Amino acid sequence: MEETDCTACELHKTRQKIVWGSGPNNPKFLFIGQAPGKSENMAGRPFVGRSGHLLDRLLRKLEIPKDCVYLTNVLKCYPPDDAAPTRDQIEACWPHLERQMRALNCRRIVAVGGTAMVTLARYLGFVMPKNGIIRSAGQWLQHNDTYVFGIIHPAFALRNEEERWNLEYQLKKMWRTAALLEG
């Protein structure tokens, strides 16, 4: 599933490592975030920084087994200064993410933050409620045989205590309602 190199956009010039993803080859959930941060850029693995530590703590607290979760991002390279991904960068990375999604054959996707949700809506072709992640967070949206569940990004929750509770609630709801989905 991992490729050896990528020069599809300018981010290859400043990255330390390509951050393809980590987790089992047959996950129950595919978590897709925005882009690697500084810690991920150095480690070559997604969600190893402060946001990842919060996500790990919440998954453990809710007893969501780590071996049922695959972690990746829309972008595979770190955008300097944690800049928001550009449309060109997303377009350059989409084929990699699409190949990952096909290889993993996971029908339950968790969009971690607005960038992931908007990207998935755009490329998979499902309609998001108005106000994006705010309205779609905490609910399953269906496109053909794939379900997408939006959650706020842990980085946002780290900046606002109330949002930590919202993130925990969203993950709890995702876990409890996933069994009701077909497949």
C-alpha atoms as a PDB file:
ATOM      1  CA  MET A   1       0.000   0.000   0.000  1.00  0.00           C
ATOM      2  CA  GLU A   2       2.937   2.329   0.584  1.00  0.00           C
ATOM      3  CA  GLU A   3       4.800   3.753  -2.339  1.00  0.00           C
ATOM      4  CA  THR A   4       8.500   4.460  -2.355  1.00  0.00           C
ATOM      5  CA  ASP A   5       8.412   8.104  -3.396  1.00  0.00           C
ATOM      6  CA  CYS A   6       6.182  10.901  -4.602  1.00  0.00           C
ATOM      7  CA  THR A   7       6.996  14.173  -6.342  1.00  0.00           C
ATOM      8  CA  ALA A   8       3.469  15.045  -7.452  1.00  0.00           C
ATOM      9  CA  CYS A   9       3.461  18.402  -5.641  1.00  0.00           C
ATOM     10  CA  GLU A  10       5.924  20.862  -4.136  1.00  0.00           C
ATOM     11  CA  LEU A  11       5.651  19.377  -0.631  1.00  0.00           C
ATOM     12  CA  HIS A  12       8.182  16.682  -1.522  1.00  0.00           C
ATOM     13  CA  LYS A  13      10.894  19.367  -1.437  1.00  0.00           C
ATOM     14  CA  THR A  14      10.427  20.147   2.267  1.00  0.00           C
ATOM     15  CA  ARG A  15       9.257  16.877   3.820  1.00  0.00           C
ATOM     16  CA  GLN A  16      11.382  14.597   5.966  1.00  0.00           C
ATOM     17  CA  LYS A  17       9.303  11.456   5.404  1.00  0.00           C
ATOM     18  CA  ILE A  18       6.198  10.504   3.472  1.00  0.00           C
ATOM     19  CA  VAL A  19       3.437   9.643   5.930  1.00  0.00           C
ATOM     20  CA  TRP A  20       1.405   6.937   4.210  1.00  0.00           C
ATOM     21  CA  GLY A  21      -0.565   5.513   7.115  1.00  0.00           C
ATOM     22  CA  SER A  22      -0.550   2.911   9.860  1.00  0.00           C
ATOM     23  CA  GLY A  23      -2.819   0.174  11.087  1.00  0.00           C
ATOM     24  CA  PRO A  24      -4.144  -3.249  10.142  1.00  0.00           C
ATOM     25  CA  ASN A  25      -4.760  -4.326   6.545  1.00  0.00           C
ATOM     26  CA  ASN A  26      -8.407  -5.131   7.312  1.00  0.00           C
ATOM     27  CA  PRO A  27      -9.575  -2.288   9.555  1.00  0.00           C
ATOM     28  CA  LYS A  28     -13.096  -1.795  10.791  1.00  0.00           C
ATOM     29  CA  PHE A  29     -12.564   1.989  10.572  1.00  0.00           C
ATOM     30  CA  LEU A  30     -10.429   4.141   8.305  1.00  0.00           C
ATOM     31  CA  PHE A  31      -9.601   7.438  10.020  1.00  0.00           C
ATOM     32  CA  ILE A  32      -8.584  10.157   7.547  1.00  0.00           C
ATOM     33  CA  GLY A  33      -7.119  13.416   8.807  1.00  0.00           C
ATOM     34  CA  GLN A  34      -5.952  16.553   7.034  1.00  0.00           C
ATOM     35  CA  ALA A  35      -2.169  16.294   6.798  1.00  0.00           C
ATOM     36  CA  PRO A  36       0.870  15.196   8.761  1.00  0.00           C
ATOM     37  CA  GLY A  37       2.191  17.604  11.367  1.00  0.00           C
ATOM     38  CA  LYS A  38       5.787  18.166  12.428  1.00  0.00           C
ATOM     39  CA  SER A  39       5.911  15.060  14.638  1.00  0.00           C
ATOM     40  CA  GLU A  40       4.449  12.895  11.894  1.00  0.00           C
ATOM     41  CA  ASN A  41       6.891  14.342   9.371  1.00  0.00           C
ATOM     42  CA  MET A  42       9.779  13.181  11.562  1.00  0.00           C
ATOM     43  CA  ALA A  43       8.303   9.793  12.538  1.00  0.00           C
ATOM     44  CA  GLY A  44       6.783   8.849   9.175  1.00  0.00           C
ATOM     45  CA  ARG A  45       3.546   7.773  10.893  1.00  0.00           C
ATOM     46  CA  PRO A  46       0.221   9.617  11.231  1.00  0.00           C
ATOM     47  CA  PHE A  47      -1.280  10.928  14.464  1.00  0.00           C
ATOM     48  CA  VAL A  48       1.838  10.663  16.658  1.00  0.00           C
ATOM     49  CA  GLY A  49       1.834  14.290  17.864  1.00  0.00           C
ATOM     50  CA  ARG A  50      -0.379  15.944  20.479  1.00  0.00           C
ATOM     51  CA  SER A  51      -3.547  15.416  18.411  1.00  0.00           C
ATOM     52  CA  GLY A  52      -2.721  11.753  17.985  1.00  0.00           C
ATOM     53  CA  HIS A  53      -2.085  11.332  21.693  1.00  0.00           C
ATOM     54  CA  LEU A  54      -5.516  12.791  22.459  1.00  0.00           C
ATOM     55  CA  LEU A  55      -7.119  10.508  19.871  1.00  0.00           C
ATOM     56  CA  ASP A  56      -5.291   7.483  21.345  1.00  0.00           C
ATOM     57  CA  ARG A  57      -6.418   8.371  24.879  1.00  0.00           C
ATOM     58  CA  LEU A  58     -10.026   8.679  23.770  1.00  0.00           C
ATOM     59  CA  LEU A  59      -9.941   5.417  21.796  1.00  0.00           C
ATOM     60  CA  ARG A  60      -8.554   3.620  24.867  1.00  0.00           C
ATOM     61  CA  LYS A  61     -11.077   5.281  27.182  1.00  0.00           C
ATOM     62  CA  LEU A  62     -13.943   4.215  24.928  1.00  0.00           C
ATOM     63  CA  GLU A  63     -12.427   0.729  24.563  1.00  0.00           C
ATOM     64  CA  ILE A  64     -12.153   1.017  20.796  1.00  0.00           C
ATOM     65  CA  PRO A  65      -9.466  -1.512  19.870  1.00  0.00           C
ATOM     66  CA  LYS A  66      -6.503   0.054  18.105  1.00  0.00           C
ATOM     67  CA  ASP A  67      -6.274  -3.008  15.849  1.00  0.00           C
ATOM     68  CA  CYS A  68      -9.562  -2.082  14.179  1.00  0.00           C
ATOM     69  CA  VAL A  69      -8.393   1.414  13.185  1.00  0.00           C
ATOM     70  CA  TYR A  70      -6.223   2.434  10.223  1.00  0.00           C
ATOM     71  CA  LEU A  71      -4.900   6.014  10.360  1.00  0.00           C
ATOM     72  CA  THR A  72      -3.972   8.148   7.369  1.00  0.00           C
ATOM     73  CA  ASN A  73      -4.329  11.675   6.013  1.00  0.00           C
ATOM     74  CA  VAL A  74      -5.536  13.403   2.870  1.00  0.00           C
ATOM     75  CA  LEU A  75      -2.012  14.764   2.333  1.00  0.00           C
ATOM     76  CA  LYS A  76       0.934  12.415   2.683  1.00  0.00           C
ATOM     77  CA  CYS A  77       3.561  15.129   3.211  1.00  0.00           C
ATOM     78  CA  TYR A  78       3.852  17.812   5.865  1.00  0.00           C
ATOM     79  CA  PRO A  79       2.789  21.288   4.710  1.00  0.00           C
ATOM     80  CA  PRO A  80       5.329  23.695   6.267  1.00  0.00           C
ATOM     81  CA  ASP A  81       4.047  25.663   9.251  1.00  0.00           C
ATOM     82  CA  ASP A  82       0.996  23.382   9.364  1.00  0.00           C
ATOM     83  CA  ALA A  83      -0.537  25.361   6.502  1.00  0.00           C
ATOM     84  CA  ALA A  84      -3.964  24.325   5.274  1.00  0.00           C
ATOM     85  CA  PRO A  85      -3.756  22.032   2.249  1.00  0.00           C
ATOM     86  CA  THR A  86      -4.198  23.715  -1.107  1.00  0.00           C
ATOM     87  CA  ARG A  87      -6.490  22.375  -3.779  1.00  0.00           C
ATOM     88  CA  ASP A  88      -3.447  21.440  -5.904  1.00  0.00           C
ATOM     89  CA  GLN A  89      -1.892  19.501  -3.026  1.00  0.00           C
ATOM     90  CA  ILE A  90      -5.142  17.639  -2.363  1.00  0.00           C
ATOM     91  CA  GLU A  91      -5.512  16.798  -6.061  1.00  0.00           C
ATOM     92  CA  ALA A  92      -1.926  15.519  -6.157  1.00  0.00           C
ATOM     93  CA  CYS A  93      -2.485  13.295  -3.094  1.00  0.00           C
ATOM     94  CA  TRP A  94      -5.981  12.048  -3.903  1.00  0.00           C
ATOM     95  CA  PRO A  95      -4.791   9.128  -6.096  1.00  0.00           C
ATOM     96  CA  HIS A  96      -2.693   7.833  -3.173  1.00  0.00           C
ATOM     97  CA  LEU A  97      -5.609   8.057  -0.747  1.00  0.00           C
ATOM     98  CA  GLU A  98      -7.956   6.488  -3.279  1.00  0.00           C
ATOM     99  CA  ARG A  99      -5.557   3.532  -3.703  1.00  0.00           C
ATOM    100  CA  GLN A 100      -5.350   3.152   0.083  1.00  0.00           C
ATOM    101  CA  MET A 101      -9.121   3.172   0.387  1.00  0.00           C
ATOM    102  CA  ARG A 102      -9.468   0.559  -2.349  1.00  0.00           C
ATOM    103  CA  ALA A 103      -6.725  -1.681  -0.900  1.00  0.00           C
ATOM    104  CA  LEU A 104      -8.139  -1.517   2.622  1.00  0.00           C
ATOM    105  CA  ASN A 105     -11.702  -2.028   1.359  1.00  0.00           C
ATOM    106  CA  CYS A 106     -13.006  -0.345   4.512  1.00  0.00           C
ATOM    107  CA  ARG A 107     -16.605   0.842   4.262  1.00  0.00           C
ATOM    108  CA  ARG A 108     -16.580   2.869   7.493  1.00  0.00           C
ATOM    109  CA  ILE A 109     -14.556   6.038   7.125  1.00  0.00           C
ATOM    110  CA  VAL A 110     -14.060   8.570   9.895  1.00  0.00           C
ATOM    111  CA  ALA A 111     -13.307  12.029   8.516  1.00  0.00           C
ATOM    112  CA  VAL A 112     -11.113  13.735  11.108  1.00  0.00           C
ATOM    113  CA  GLY A 113     -11.854  17.436  10.665  1.00  0.00           C
ATOM    114  CA  GLY A 114     -13.305  19.627   7.968  1.00  0.00           C
ATOM    115  CA  THR A 115     -10.600  19.234   5.332  1.00  0.00           C
ATOM    116  CA  ALA A 116     -10.996  15.462   5.315  1.00  0.00           C
ATOM    117  CA  MET A 117     -14.795  15.693   5.222  1.00  0.00           C
ATOM    118  CA  VAL A 118     -14.873  18.242   2.395  1.00  0.00           C
ATOM    119  CA  THR A 119     -12.284  16.257   0.406  1.00  0.00           C
ATOM    120  CA  LEU A 120     -14.210  13.008   0.789  1.00  0.00           C
ATOM    121  CA  ALA A 121     -17.476  14.691  -0.154  1.00  0.00           C
ATOM    122  CA  ARG A 122     -15.882  16.203  -3.241  1.00  0.00           C
ATOM    123  CA  TYR A 123     -14.167  13.067  -4.513  1.00  0.00           C
ATOM    124  CA  LEU A 124     -16.675  10.442  -3.396  1.00  0.00           C
ATOM    125  CA  GLY A 125     -19.606  12.549  -4.517  1.00  0.00           C
ATOM    126  CA  PHE A 126     -21.814  12.655  -1.444  1.00  0.00           C
ATOM    127  CA  VAL A 127     -23.620  15.771  -0.273  1.00  0.00           C
ATOM    128  CA  MET A 128     -22.675  17.311   3.040  1.00  0.00           C
ATOM    129  CA  PRO A 129     -25.113  19.291   5.144  1.00  0.00           C
ATOM    130  CA  LYS A 130     -24.671  23.053   4.966  1.00  0.00           C
ATOM    131  CA  ASN A 131     -22.059  24.372   7.399  1.00  0.00           C
ATOM    132  CA  GLY A 132     -19.809  21.383   6.650  1.00  0.00           C
ATOM    133  CA  ILE A 133     -18.188  19.570   9.524  1.00  0.00           C
ATOM    134  CA  ILE A 134     -20.263  21.425  12.113  1.00  0.00           C
ATOM    135  CA  ARG A 135     -23.475  19.862  10.811  1.00  0.00           C
ATOM    136  CA  SER A 136     -22.017  16.562   9.646  1.00  0.00           C
ATOM    137  CA  ALA A 137     -19.937  15.818  12.756  1.00  0.00           C
ATOM    138  CA  GLY A 138     -21.444  13.034  14.778  1.00  0.00           C
ATOM    139  CA  GLN A 139     -23.509  11.411  12.051  1.00  0.00           C
ATOM    140  CA  TRP A 140     -23.018   8.778   9.387  1.00  0.00           C
ATOM    141  CA  LEU A 141     -23.375   9.943   5.794  1.00  0.00           C
ATOM    142  CA  GLN A 142     -23.794   7.274   3.142  1.00  0.00           C
ATOM    143  CA  HIS A 143     -22.456   7.133  -0.386  1.00  0.00           C
ATOM    144  CA  ASN A 144     -23.218   3.874  -2.178  1.00  0.00           C
ATOM    145  CA  ASP A 145     -21.825   1.166   0.128  1.00  0.00           C
ATOM    146  CA  THR A 146     -19.494   3.502   2.039  1.00  0.00           C
ATOM    147  CA  TYR A 147     -20.341   5.331   5.243  1.00  0.00           C
ATOM    148  CA  VAL A 148     -18.513   8.471   6.350  1.00  0.00           C
ATOM    149  CA  PHE A 149     -18.657   9.766   9.922  1.00  0.00           C
ATOM    150  CA  GLY A 150     -17.328  13.247  10.635  1.00  0.00           C
ATOM    151  CA  ILE A 151     -15.578  14.181  13.846  1.00  0.00           C
ATOM    152  CA  ILE A 152     -13.920  17.403  14.891  1.00  0.00           C
ATOM    153  CA  HIS A 153     -10.154  17.348  14.650  1.00  0.00           C
ATOM    154  CA  PRO A 154      -8.321  16.571  17.911  1.00  0.00           C
ATOM    155  CA  ALA A 155      -6.152  19.682  17.351  1.00  0.00           C
ATOM    156  CA  PHE A 156      -9.314  21.785  17.635  1.00  0.00           C
ATOM    157  CA  ALA A 157     -10.318  19.879  20.765  1.00  0.00           C
ATOM    158  CA  LEU A 158      -6.913  20.549  22.310  1.00  0.00           C
ATOM    159  CA  ARG A 159      -7.558  24.278  22.058  1.00  0.00           C
ATOM    160  CA  ASN A 160     -11.020  24.150  23.629  1.00  0.00           C
ATOM    161  CA  GLU A 161     -12.006  21.991  26.619  1.00  0.00           C
ATOM    162  CA  GLU A 162     -15.672  21.868  25.595  1.00  0.00           C
ATOM    163  CA  GLU A 163     -14.670  20.486  22.209  1.00  0.00           C
ATOM    164  CA  ARG A 164     -12.815  17.627  23.923  1.00  0.00           C
ATOM    165  CA  TRP A 165     -16.141  16.508  25.312  1.00  0.00           C
ATOM    166  CA  ASN A 166     -17.723  16.879  21.878  1.00  0.00           C
ATOM    167  CA  LEU A 167     -14.948  14.815  20.299  1.00  0.00           C
ATOM    168  CA  GLU A 168     -15.364  12.101  22.929  1.00  0.00           C
ATOM    169  CA  TYR A 169     -19.123  12.110  22.389  1.00  0.00           C
ATOM    170  CA  GLN A 170     -18.681  11.855  18.609  1.00  0.00           C
ATOM    171  CA  LEU A 171     -16.281   8.915  18.908  1.00  0.00           C
ATOM    172  CA  LYS A 172     -18.598   7.172  21.355  1.00  0.00           C
ATOM    173  CA  LYS A 173     -21.527   7.655  18.992  1.00  0.00           C
ATOM    174  CA  MET A 174     -19.447   6.438  16.023  1.00  0.00           C
ATOM    175  CA  TRP A 175     -18.489   3.270  17.888  1.00  0.00           C
ATOM    176  CA  ARG A 176     -21.988   2.538  19.181  1.00  0.00           C
ATOM    177  CA  THR A 177     -23.806   3.191  15.919  1.00  0.00           C
ATOM    178  CA  ALA A 178     -21.325   1.468  13.568  1.00  0.00           C
ATOM    179  CA  ALA A 179     -22.874  -1.903  14.355  1.00  0.00           C
ATOM    180  CA  LEU A 180     -26.184  -0.677  12.934  1.00  0.00           C
ATOM    181  CA  LEU A 181     -24.673  -0.106   9.506  1.00  0.00           C
ATOM    182  CA  GLU A 182     -24.928  -2.785   6.878  1.00  0.00           C
ATOM    183  CA  GLY A 183     -21.759  -4.691   6.050  1.00  0.00           C
END
